[in-house]
Amino acid sequence: MLTQLGVPRTATMLLSALLVVTLRLLAIRYNWSLPTARETPSTTHDN
């Protein structure tokens, strides 16, 4: 998207990497985590 706006490819890659690292450090600092799936009871019956 940035390259379409005329930003050089190298700068786009560096900005993207910086964004990922920043988000990861914030996640570590504030104990953010991705949501986890909850197990639901099985609807199948064992015979």
C-alpha atoms as a PDB file:
ATOM      1  CA  MET A   1       0.000   0.000   0.000  1.00  0.00           C
ATOM      2  CA  LEU A   2       2.801   2.410   0.827  1.00  0.00           C
ATOM      3  CA  THR A   3       4.614   1.583  -2.402  1.00  0.00           C
ATOM      4  CA  GLN A   4       1.492   2.618  -4.300  1.00  0.00           C
ATOM      5  CA  LEU A   5       1.792   5.996  -2.615  1.00  0.00           C
ATOM      6  CA  GLY A   6       5.344   6.383  -3.877  1.00  0.00           C
ATOM      7  CA  VAL A   7       7.221   5.312  -0.741  1.00  0.00           C
ATOM      8  CA  PRO A   8      10.399   3.379  -1.634  1.00  0.00           C
ATOM      9  CA  ARG A   9      10.243  -0.392  -1.128  1.00  0.00           C
ATOM     10  CA  THR A  10      13.082  -0.419   1.411  1.00  0.00           C
ATOM     11  CA  ALA A  11      11.372   2.212   3.548  1.00  0.00           C
ATOM     12  CA  THR A  12       8.100   0.258   3.351  1.00  0.00           C
ATOM     13  CA  MET A  13       9.809  -2.923   4.581  1.00  0.00           C
ATOM     14  CA  LEU A  14      11.558  -1.085   7.421  1.00  0.00           C
ATOM     15  CA  LEU A  15       8.358   0.641   8.530  1.00  0.00           C
ATOM     16  CA  SER A  16       6.487  -2.658   8.448  1.00  0.00           C
ATOM     17  CA  ALA A  17       9.159  -4.393  10.521  1.00  0.00           C
ATOM     18  CA  LEU A  18       9.161  -1.513  13.004  1.00  0.00           C
ATOM     19  CA  LEU A  19       5.385  -1.758  13.331  1.00  0.00           C
ATOM     20  CA  VAL A  20       5.535  -5.507  14.014  1.00  0.00           C
ATOM     21  CA  VAL A  21       8.274  -5.134  16.638  1.00  0.00           C
ATOM     22  CA  THR A  22       6.471  -2.228  18.296  1.00  0.00           C
ATOM     23  CA  LEU A  23       3.198  -4.151  18.501  1.00  0.00           C
ATOM     24  CA  ARG A  24       5.004  -7.197  19.878  1.00  0.00           C
ATOM     25  CA  LEU A  25       6.778  -5.154  22.557  1.00  0.00           C
ATOM     26  CA  LEU A  26       3.494  -3.500  23.535  1.00  0.00           C
ATOM     27  CA  ALA A  27       1.859  -6.930  23.739  1.00  0.00           C
ATOM     28  CA  ILE A  28       4.608  -8.136  26.065  1.00  0.00           C
ATOM     29  CA  ARG A  29       4.438  -4.978  28.187  1.00  0.00           C
ATOM     30  CA  TYR A  30       0.640  -5.013  28.599  1.00  0.00           C
ATOM     31  CA  ASN A  31       0.177  -8.811  28.616  1.00  0.00           C
ATOM     32  CA  TRP A  32      -1.938  -8.812  25.479  1.00  0.00           C
ATOM     33  CA  SER A  33      -2.776 -12.177  23.971  1.00  0.00           C
ATOM     34  CA  LEU A  34      -4.819 -13.541  21.132  1.00  0.00           C
ATOM     35  CA  PRO A  35      -8.241 -14.949  21.949  1.00  0.00           C
ATOM     36  CA  THR A  36      -8.371 -18.700  22.430  1.00  0.00           C
ATOM     37  CA  ALA A  37     -11.062 -21.055  21.229  1.00  0.00           C
ATOM     38  CA  ARG A  38     -13.342 -22.496  23.878  1.00  0.00           C
ATOM     39  CA  GLU A  39     -14.119 -26.171  23.806  1.00  0.00           C
ATOM     40  CA  THR A  40     -17.790 -26.984  23.347  1.00  0.00           C
ATOM     41  CA  PRO A  41     -19.468 -30.186  24.466  1.00  0.00           C
ATOM     42  CA  SER A  42     -19.569 -32.824  21.765  1.00  0.00           C
ATOM     43  CA  THR A  43     -22.968 -33.374  20.160  1.00  0.00           C
ATOM     44  CA  THR A  44     -22.135 -36.889  18.963  1.00  0.00           C
ATOM     45  CA  HIS A  45     -23.348 -39.879  20.959  1.00  0.00           C
ATOM     46  CA  ASP A  46     -21.192 -42.900  21.618  1.00  0.00           C
ATOM     47  CA  ASN A  47     -23.095 -46.188  21.218  1.00  0.00           C
END
